[in-house]
Amino acid sequence: MSDRVFEIVTSSFMKLLIPGITVTIPLTILSFLLSLVLGLLLAVSQTANIKGLKQFSVFYIWIFRGTPLIVQLFIIFHGLPTIGIYIEAFWAAIIAFGLNLAAYNAEAIRAAILAIPEGQLEAAYMIGLSYPIAMIRIVLPQAFQIAFPSLFNNLISLLKDTSLASSITVVEMFAVVQQITGRTYEYFALYLEVAFIYLIFSTLLTFLQSYLEKKFVWKSDATKEEKRGRRRAMLG
């Protein structure tokens, strides 16, 4: 590596890291929270077999899983203004990422809900719990434990997908590296550098996932027995 390239790379690190922390990370978190809420509603709509809502959920998931994310970004940011709806680039990105990931989160949560034995819900009815209360107190806490690894993997994927926000003028980390490469023409070194920063963020999230799984997700046989005891106590 020449002295010029080394100087460009070292001087660019903070220029990339700062928008990564102030734009890329908030964009990821807000989009994921939106996707989690929508995904939960979509999943429950399917498992509850509510007429109309189930069909809407299936249609929604079909649309957002079957079309490219970048196309959805362009529809929201460039397409909606043609019908009089204007959304700032940052919020348009959050909406697009959130709507897209909600389809994937919904399938992860739905599969987790279906993995809970039906007998638990039936027992809840027998002790007088309504469907919403039974879902909130019994089914969903267990379902989120099952779905947690998949949901967190979706979060890590979303972090990397936020680089697409640069295509609708959001000045996040990838947009900044494109600006720097446009001035310096050092594409290889700078793209490797931004890839390294994405890797750092993803690795930190992976460590966080591992910590949370050990803390909140029951894995050992002894803990599983304790969990069964809690279920029996809850259901009588």
C-alpha atoms as a PDB file:
ATOM      1  CA  MET A   1       0.000   0.000   0.000  1.00  0.00           C
ATOM      2  CA  SER A   2       1.422   3.368  -1.042  1.00  0.00           C
ATOM      3  CA  ASP A   3       1.739   6.298   1.340  1.00  0.00           C
ATOM      4  CA  ARG A   4      -1.033   8.123  -0.517  1.00  0.00           C
ATOM      5  CA  VAL A   5      -3.475   5.233  -0.190  1.00  0.00           C
ATOM      6  CA  PHE A   6      -2.572   4.732   3.473  1.00  0.00           C
ATOM      7  CA  GLU A   7      -3.183   8.406   4.195  1.00  0.00           C
ATOM      8  CA  ILE A   8      -6.541   8.341   2.393  1.00  0.00           C
ATOM      9  CA  VAL A   9      -7.670   5.234   4.253  1.00  0.00           C
ATOM     10  CA  THR A  10      -6.628   6.491   7.694  1.00  0.00           C
ATOM     11  CA  SER A  11      -8.119   9.950   7.168  1.00  0.00           C
ATOM     12  CA  SER A  12     -11.375   8.430   5.899  1.00  0.00           C
ATOM     13  CA  PHE A  13     -11.974   6.079   8.817  1.00  0.00           C
ATOM     14  CA  MET A  14     -13.669   8.601  11.115  1.00  0.00           C
ATOM     15  CA  LYS A  15     -15.480  10.170   8.156  1.00  0.00           C
ATOM     16  CA  LEU A  16     -17.088   6.774   7.582  1.00  0.00           C
ATOM     17  CA  LEU A  17     -17.510   5.726  11.196  1.00  0.00           C
ATOM     18  CA  ILE A  18     -19.382   8.858  12.289  1.00  0.00           C
ATOM     19  CA  PRO A  19     -22.230   8.553   9.726  1.00  0.00           C
ATOM     20  CA  GLY A  20     -22.224   4.840  10.486  1.00  0.00           C
ATOM     21  CA  ILE A  21     -22.991   5.588  14.145  1.00  0.00           C
ATOM     22  CA  THR A  22     -25.249   8.622  13.628  1.00  0.00           C
ATOM     23  CA  VAL A  23     -27.194   7.498  10.531  1.00  0.00           C
ATOM     24  CA  THR A  24     -26.707   3.805   9.697  1.00  0.00           C
ATOM     25  CA  ILE A  25     -27.298   2.522  13.231  1.00  0.00           C
ATOM     26  CA  PRO A  26     -30.399   4.685  13.934  1.00  0.00           C
ATOM     27  CA  LEU A  27     -31.758   3.772  10.503  1.00  0.00           C
ATOM     28  CA  THR A  28     -31.300   0.099  11.333  1.00  0.00           C
ATOM     29  CA  ILE A  29     -32.858   0.298  14.799  1.00  0.00           C
ATOM     30  CA  LEU A  30     -35.904   2.353  13.804  1.00  0.00           C
ATOM     31  CA  SER A  31     -36.578   0.208  10.742  1.00  0.00           C
ATOM     32  CA  PHE A  32     -36.289  -2.967  12.783  1.00  0.00           C
ATOM     33  CA  LEU A  33     -38.661  -1.725  15.481  1.00  0.00           C
ATOM     34  CA  LEU A  34     -41.229  -0.873  12.810  1.00  0.00           C
ATOM     35  CA  SER A  35     -40.774  -4.269  11.177  1.00  0.00           C
ATOM     36  CA  LEU A  36     -41.119  -6.043  14.527  1.00  0.00           C
ATOM     37  CA  VAL A  37     -44.451  -4.394  15.343  1.00  0.00           C
ATOM     38  CA  LEU A  38     -45.850  -4.974  11.855  1.00  0.00           C
ATOM     39  CA  GLY A  39     -44.457  -8.506  11.736  1.00  0.00           C
ATOM     40  CA  LEU A  40     -46.151  -9.378  15.020  1.00  0.00           C
ATOM     41  CA  LEU A  41     -49.499  -8.041  13.796  1.00  0.00           C
ATOM     42  CA  LEU A  42     -49.180  -9.938  10.528  1.00  0.00           C
ATOM     43  CA  ALA A  43     -48.235 -13.172  12.276  1.00  0.00           C
ATOM     44  CA  VAL A  44     -51.078 -12.985  14.783  1.00  0.00           C
ATOM     45  CA  SER A  45     -53.518 -12.109  11.988  1.00  0.00           C
ATOM     46  CA  GLN A  46     -52.609 -15.362  10.273  1.00  0.00           C
ATOM     47  CA  THR A  47     -52.602 -17.650  13.297  1.00  0.00           C
ATOM     48  CA  ALA A  48     -55.845 -16.202  14.674  1.00  0.00           C
ATOM     49  CA  ASN A  49     -57.616 -17.062  11.407  1.00  0.00           C
ATOM     50  CA  ILE A  50     -59.452 -13.738  11.374  1.00  0.00           C
ATOM     51  CA  LYS A  51     -61.355 -13.612   8.114  1.00  0.00           C
ATOM     52  CA  GLY A  52     -60.064 -10.912   5.813  1.00  0.00           C
ATOM     53  CA  LEU A  53     -57.005 -10.111   7.946  1.00  0.00           C
ATOM     54  CA  LYS A  54     -55.447 -13.494   7.255  1.00  0.00           C
ATOM     55  CA  GLN A  55     -55.843 -13.033   3.510  1.00  0.00           C
ATOM     56  CA  PHE A  56     -54.432  -9.505   3.755  1.00  0.00           C
ATOM     57  CA  SER A  57     -51.411 -10.765   5.709  1.00  0.00           C
ATOM     58  CA  VAL A  58     -50.702 -13.509   3.185  1.00  0.00           C
ATOM     59  CA  PHE A  59     -51.029 -10.995   0.330  1.00  0.00           C
ATOM     60  CA  TYR A  60     -48.757  -8.492   2.114  1.00  0.00           C
ATOM     61  CA  ILE A  61     -46.043 -11.077   2.705  1.00  0.00           C
ATOM     62  CA  TRP A  62     -46.302 -12.285  -0.879  1.00  0.00           C
ATOM     63  CA  ILE A  63     -45.804  -8.754  -2.224  1.00  0.00           C
ATOM     64  CA  PHE A  64     -42.919  -7.666  -0.004  1.00  0.00           C
ATOM     65  CA  ARG A  65     -41.017 -10.949  -0.169  1.00  0.00           C
ATOM     66  CA  GLY A  66     -41.496 -11.205  -3.910  1.00  0.00           C
ATOM     67  CA  THR A  67     -40.279  -7.772  -5.002  1.00  0.00           C
ATOM     68  CA  PRO A  68     -36.774  -6.250  -4.680  1.00  0.00           C
ATOM     69  CA  LEU A  69     -36.112  -4.003  -1.718  1.00  0.00           C
ATOM     70  CA  ILE A  70     -34.547  -1.318  -3.883  1.00  0.00           C
ATOM     71  CA  VAL A  71     -37.704  -1.181  -6.009  1.00  0.00           C
ATOM     72  CA  GLN A  72     -39.768  -0.693  -2.850  1.00  0.00           C
ATOM     73  CA  LEU A  73     -37.402   2.116  -1.819  1.00  0.00           C
ATOM     74  CA  PHE A  74     -37.835   3.852  -5.163  1.00  0.00           C
ATOM     75  CA  ILE A  75     -41.620   3.480  -5.102  1.00  0.00           C
ATOM     76  CA  ILE A  76     -41.837   5.128  -1.676  1.00  0.00           C
ATOM     77  CA  PHE A  77     -39.274   7.886  -2.275  1.00  0.00           C
ATOM     78  CA  HIS A  78     -39.676   8.625  -5.998  1.00  0.00           C
ATOM     79  CA  GLY A  79     -43.087   7.155  -6.762  1.00  0.00           C
ATOM     80  CA  LEU A  80     -45.273   8.536  -3.981  1.00  0.00           C
ATOM     81  CA  PRO A  81     -44.463  12.218  -4.782  1.00  0.00           C
ATOM     82  CA  THR A  82     -46.147  11.725  -8.167  1.00  0.00           C
ATOM     83  CA  ILE A  83     -49.443  11.258  -6.296  1.00  0.00           C
ATOM     84  CA  GLY A  84     -48.781  14.095  -3.884  1.00  0.00           C
ATOM     85  CA  ILE A  85     -47.163  12.196  -0.996  1.00  0.00           C
ATOM     86  CA  TYR A  86     -43.729  13.549  -0.083  1.00  0.00           C
ATOM     87  CA  ILE A  87     -41.539  11.781   2.493  1.00  0.00           C
ATOM     88  CA  GLU A  88     -38.064  12.838   3.585  1.00  0.00           C
ATOM     89  CA  ALA A  89     -35.361  10.439   2.396  1.00  0.00           C
ATOM     90  CA  PHE A  90     -34.397   9.173   5.856  1.00  0.00           C
ATOM     91  CA  TRP A  91     -37.999   8.397   6.833  1.00  0.00           C
ATOM     92  CA  ALA A  92     -38.752   6.952   3.414  1.00  0.00           C
ATOM     93  CA  ALA A  93     -35.877   4.531   3.972  1.00  0.00           C
ATOM     94  CA  ILE A  94     -37.209   3.582   7.409  1.00  0.00           C
ATOM     95  CA  ILE A  95     -40.675   2.928   5.989  1.00  0.00           C
ATOM     96  CA  ALA A  96     -39.320   0.870   3.085  1.00  0.00           C
ATOM     97  CA  PHE A  97     -36.961  -1.200   5.223  1.00  0.00           C
ATOM     98  CA  GLY A  98     -39.590  -1.642   7.931  1.00  0.00           C
ATOM     99  CA  LEU A  99     -42.336  -2.734   5.531  1.00  0.00           C
ATOM    100  CA  ASN A 100     -39.989  -5.121   3.750  1.00  0.00           C
ATOM    101  CA  LEU A 101     -38.518  -6.762   6.840  1.00  0.00           C
ATOM    102  CA  ALA A 102     -41.961  -7.044   8.451  1.00  0.00           C
ATOM    103  CA  ALA A 103     -42.813  -9.742   5.914  1.00  0.00           C
ATOM    104  CA  TYR A 104     -39.809 -11.828   6.965  1.00  0.00           C
ATOM    105  CA  ASN A 105     -40.311 -11.198  10.689  1.00  0.00           C
ATOM    106  CA  ALA A 106     -43.962 -12.173  10.342  1.00  0.00           C
ATOM    107  CA  GLU A 107     -43.019 -15.576   8.951  1.00  0.00           C
ATOM    108  CA  ALA A 108     -40.470 -16.134  11.726  1.00  0.00           C
ATOM    109  CA  ILE A 109     -42.998 -15.224  14.437  1.00  0.00           C
ATOM    110  CA  ARG A 110     -45.799 -17.210  12.777  1.00  0.00           C
ATOM    111  CA  ALA A 111     -43.635 -20.327  12.645  1.00  0.00           C
ATOM    112  CA  ALA A 112     -42.710 -19.841  16.303  1.00  0.00           C
ATOM    113  CA  ILE A 113     -46.366 -19.465  17.331  1.00  0.00           C
ATOM    114  CA  LEU A 114     -47.270 -22.649  15.461  1.00  0.00           C
ATOM    115  CA  ALA A 115     -44.450 -24.447  17.297  1.00  0.00           C
ATOM    116  CA  ILE A 116     -46.232 -23.874  20.628  1.00  0.00           C
ATOM    117  CA  PRO A 117     -48.419 -26.918  21.487  1.00  0.00           C
ATOM    118  CA  GLU A 118     -52.118 -26.188  20.912  1.00  0.00           C
ATOM    119  CA  GLY A 119     -52.868 -27.757  24.276  1.00  0.00           C
ATOM    120  CA  GLN A 120     -51.474 -24.692  26.026  1.00  0.00           C
ATOM    121  CA  LEU A 121     -53.989 -22.422  24.340  1.00  0.00           C
ATOM    122  CA  GLU A 122     -56.803 -24.861  25.054  1.00  0.00           C
ATOM    123  CA  ALA A 123     -55.788 -25.037  28.719  1.00  0.00           C
ATOM    124  CA  ALA A 124     -55.806 -21.242  28.848  1.00  0.00           C
ATOM    125  CA  TYR A 125     -59.377 -21.216  27.577  1.00  0.00           C
ATOM    126  CA  MET A 126     -60.349 -23.765  30.233  1.00  0.00           C
ATOM    127  CA  ILE A 127     -59.153 -21.497  33.048  1.00  0.00           C
ATOM    128  CA  GLY A 128     -61.109 -18.595  31.613  1.00  0.00           C
ATOM    129  CA  LEU A 129     -58.492 -16.650  29.667  1.00  0.00           C
ATOM    130  CA  SER A 130     -59.569 -14.912  26.471  1.00  0.00           C
ATOM    131  CA  TYR A 131     -57.642 -15.404  23.240  1.00  0.00           C
ATOM    132  CA  PRO A 132     -55.770 -12.045  23.431  1.00  0.00           C
ATOM    133  CA  ILE A 133     -54.768 -12.581  27.077  1.00  0.00           C
ATOM    134  CA  ALA A 134     -53.692 -16.163  26.393  1.00  0.00           C
ATOM    135  CA  MET A 135     -51.577 -15.021  23.475  1.00  0.00           C
ATOM    136  CA  ILE A 136     -49.946 -12.221  25.469  1.00  0.00           C
ATOM    137  CA  ARG A 137     -49.313 -14.152  28.672  1.00  0.00           C
ATOM    138  CA  ILE A 138     -48.621 -17.676  27.411  1.00  0.00           C
ATOM    139  CA  VAL A 139     -48.038 -18.075  23.681  1.00  0.00           C
ATOM    140  CA  LEU A 140     -46.130 -14.976  22.584  1.00  0.00           C
ATOM    141  CA  PRO A 141     -43.440 -15.027  25.326  1.00  0.00           C
ATOM    142  CA  GLN A 142     -42.536 -18.579  24.290  1.00  0.00           C
ATOM    143  CA  ALA A 143     -42.861 -17.776  20.587  1.00  0.00           C
ATOM    144  CA  PHE A 144     -40.436 -14.867  20.861  1.00  0.00           C
ATOM    145  CA  GLN A 145     -37.875 -17.136  22.486  1.00  0.00           C
ATOM    146  CA  ILE A 146     -38.167 -19.543  19.579  1.00  0.00           C
ATOM    147  CA  ALA A 147     -38.122 -16.785  16.971  1.00  0.00           C
ATOM    148  CA  PHE A 148     -35.349 -14.761  18.630  1.00  0.00           C
ATOM    149  CA  PRO A 149     -32.398 -16.157  16.602  1.00  0.00           C
ATOM    150  CA  SER A 150     -34.239 -15.657  13.301  1.00  0.00           C
ATOM    151  CA  LEU A 151     -35.345 -12.157  14.240  1.00  0.00           C
ATOM    152  CA  PHE A 152     -31.849 -11.161  15.275  1.00  0.00           C
ATOM    153  CA  ASN A 153     -30.413 -12.584  12.056  1.00  0.00           C
ATOM    154  CA  ASN A 154     -32.908 -10.398  10.203  1.00  0.00           C
ATOM    155  CA  LEU A 155     -31.620  -7.413  12.173  1.00  0.00           C
ATOM    156  CA  ILE A 156     -28.036  -8.122  11.128  1.00  0.00           C
ATOM    157  CA  SER A 157     -29.120  -8.488   7.495  1.00  0.00           C
ATOM    158  CA  LEU A 158     -30.995  -5.189   7.765  1.00  0.00           C
ATOM    159  CA  LEU A 159     -27.848  -3.433   8.972  1.00  0.00           C
ATOM    160  CA  LYS A 160     -26.123  -4.397   5.720  1.00  0.00           C
ATOM    161  CA  ASP A 161     -29.168  -3.616   3.582  1.00  0.00           C
ATOM    162  CA  THR A 162     -29.215  -0.015   4.838  1.00  0.00           C
ATOM    163  CA  SER A 163     -26.433   0.668   2.330  1.00  0.00           C
ATOM    164  CA  LEU A 164     -29.231   0.773  -0.265  1.00  0.00           C
ATOM    165  CA  ALA A 165     -30.499   3.974   1.364  1.00  0.00           C
ATOM    166  CA  SER A 166     -27.697   5.817  -0.421  1.00  0.00           C
ATOM    167  CA  SER A 167     -29.655   5.278  -3.645  1.00  0.00           C
ATOM    168  CA  ILE A 168     -32.362   7.665  -2.386  1.00  0.00           C
ATOM    169  CA  THR A 169     -29.911  10.348  -1.151  1.00  0.00           C
ATOM    170  CA  VAL A 170     -29.665   9.265   2.504  1.00  0.00           C
ATOM    171  CA  VAL A 171     -26.147  10.284   3.555  1.00  0.00           C
ATOM    172  CA  GLU A 172     -25.284   7.154   5.486  1.00  0.00           C
ATOM    173  CA  MET A 173     -21.981   5.300   5.600  1.00  0.00           C
ATOM    174  CA  PHE A 174     -22.041   3.866   2.079  1.00  0.00           C
ATOM    175  CA  ALA A 175     -23.062   7.221   0.583  1.00  0.00           C
ATOM    176  CA  VAL A 176     -20.072   8.856   2.269  1.00  0.00           C
ATOM    177  CA  VAL A 177     -17.608   6.290   0.919  1.00  0.00           C
ATOM    178  CA  GLN A 178     -19.015   6.863  -2.573  1.00  0.00           C
ATOM    179  CA  GLN A 179     -18.365  10.582  -2.167  1.00  0.00           C
ATOM    180  CA  ILE A 180     -14.787   9.945  -1.049  1.00  0.00           C
ATOM    181  CA  THR A 181     -14.063   7.489  -3.875  1.00  0.00           C
ATOM    182  CA  GLY A 182     -15.448  10.045  -6.325  1.00  0.00           C
ATOM    183  CA  ARG A 183     -12.728  12.461  -5.222  1.00  0.00           C
ATOM    184  CA  THR A 184      -9.810  10.072  -4.704  1.00  0.00           C
ATOM    185  CA  TYR A 185     -10.523   7.233  -7.186  1.00  0.00           C
ATOM    186  CA  GLU A 186      -9.210   4.765  -4.607  1.00  0.00           C
ATOM    187  CA  TYR A 187     -12.135   2.348  -4.930  1.00  0.00           C
ATOM    188  CA  PHE A 188     -10.519  -0.885  -3.789  1.00  0.00           C
ATOM    189  CA  ALA A 189      -8.999   0.348  -0.520  1.00  0.00           C
ATOM    190  CA  LEU A 190     -11.971   2.492   0.497  1.00  0.00           C
ATOM    191  CA  TYR A 191     -14.611  -0.118  -0.283  1.00  0.00           C
ATOM    192  CA  LEU A 192     -12.585  -2.621   1.738  1.00  0.00           C
ATOM    193  CA  GLU A 193     -12.501  -0.096   4.567  1.00  0.00           C
ATOM    194  CA  VAL A 194     -16.277   0.456   4.603  1.00  0.00           C
ATOM    195  CA  ALA A 195     -16.788  -3.304   4.380  1.00  0.00           C
ATOM    196  CA  PHE A 196     -14.574  -3.648   7.455  1.00  0.00           C
ATOM    197  CA  ILE A 197     -16.700  -1.119   9.380  1.00  0.00           C
ATOM    198  CA  TYR A 198     -19.883  -2.988   8.414  1.00  0.00           C
ATOM    199  CA  LEU A 199     -18.157  -6.146   9.629  1.00  0.00           C
ATOM    200  CA  ILE A 200     -17.386  -4.488  12.969  1.00  0.00           C
ATOM    201  CA  PHE A 201     -21.027  -3.489  13.428  1.00  0.00           C
ATOM    202  CA  SER A 202     -22.253  -6.949  12.426  1.00  0.00           C
ATOM    203  CA  THR A 203     -19.786  -8.633  14.767  1.00  0.00           C
ATOM    204  CA  LEU A 204     -20.899  -6.479  17.701  1.00  0.00           C
ATOM    205  CA  LEU A 205     -24.510  -7.406  16.961  1.00  0.00           C
ATOM    206  CA  THR A 206     -23.512 -11.074  16.787  1.00  0.00           C
ATOM    207  CA  PHE A 207     -21.918 -10.840  20.232  1.00  0.00           C
ATOM    208  CA  LEU A 208     -25.043  -9.081  21.518  1.00  0.00           C
ATOM    209  CA  GLN A 209     -27.188 -11.853  20.045  1.00  0.00           C
ATOM    210  CA  SER A 210     -25.085 -14.512  21.748  1.00  0.00           C
ATOM    211  CA  TYR A 211     -25.309 -12.692  25.094  1.00  0.00           C
ATOM    212  CA  LEU A 212     -29.070 -12.216  24.884  1.00  0.00           C
ATOM    213  CA  GLU A 213     -29.627 -15.832  23.857  1.00  0.00           C
ATOM    214  CA  LYS A 214     -27.700 -17.048  26.898  1.00  0.00           C
ATOM    215  CA  LYS A 215     -29.560 -14.648  29.146  1.00  0.00           C
ATOM    216  CA  PHE A 216     -33.128 -14.941  27.885  1.00  0.00           C
ATOM    217  CA  VAL A 217     -33.455 -18.102  25.800  1.00  0.00           C
ATOM    218  CA  TRP A 218     -33.695 -21.369  27.766  1.00  0.00           C
ATOM    219  CA  LYS A 219     -31.265 -23.949  26.431  1.00  0.00           C
ATOM    220  CA  SER A 220     -30.102 -26.334  29.115  1.00  0.00           C
ATOM    221  CA  ASP A 221     -32.130 -29.382  30.122  1.00  0.00           C
ATOM    222  CA  ALA A 222     -32.399 -28.097  33.671  1.00  0.00           C
ATOM    223  CA  THR A 223     -33.742 -24.775  32.488  1.00  0.00           C
ATOM    224  CA  LYS A 224     -36.203 -26.508  30.174  1.00  0.00           C
ATOM    225  CA  GLU A 225     -37.558 -28.413  33.143  1.00  0.00           C
ATOM    226  CA  GLU A 226     -37.898 -25.152  35.014  1.00  0.00           C
ATOM    227  CA  LYS A 227     -39.722 -23.678  32.052  1.00  0.00           C
ATOM    228  CA  ARG A 228     -42.160 -26.607  31.931  1.00  0.00           C
ATOM    229  CA  GLY A 229     -42.812 -26.094  35.625  1.00  0.00           C
ATOM    230  CA  ARG A 230     -43.632 -22.463  35.005  1.00  0.00           C
ATOM    231  CA  ARG A 231     -46.016 -23.439  32.219  1.00  0.00           C
ATOM    232  CA  ARG A 232     -47.785 -25.970  34.449  1.00  0.00           C
ATOM    233  CA  ALA A 233     -48.079 -23.417  37.216  1.00  0.00           C
ATOM    234  CA  MET A 234     -49.484 -20.844  34.814  1.00  0.00           C
ATOM    235  CA  LEU A 235     -51.984 -23.190  33.250  1.00  0.00           C
ATOM    236  CA  GLY A 236     -52.898 -25.020  36.411  1.00  0.00           C
END
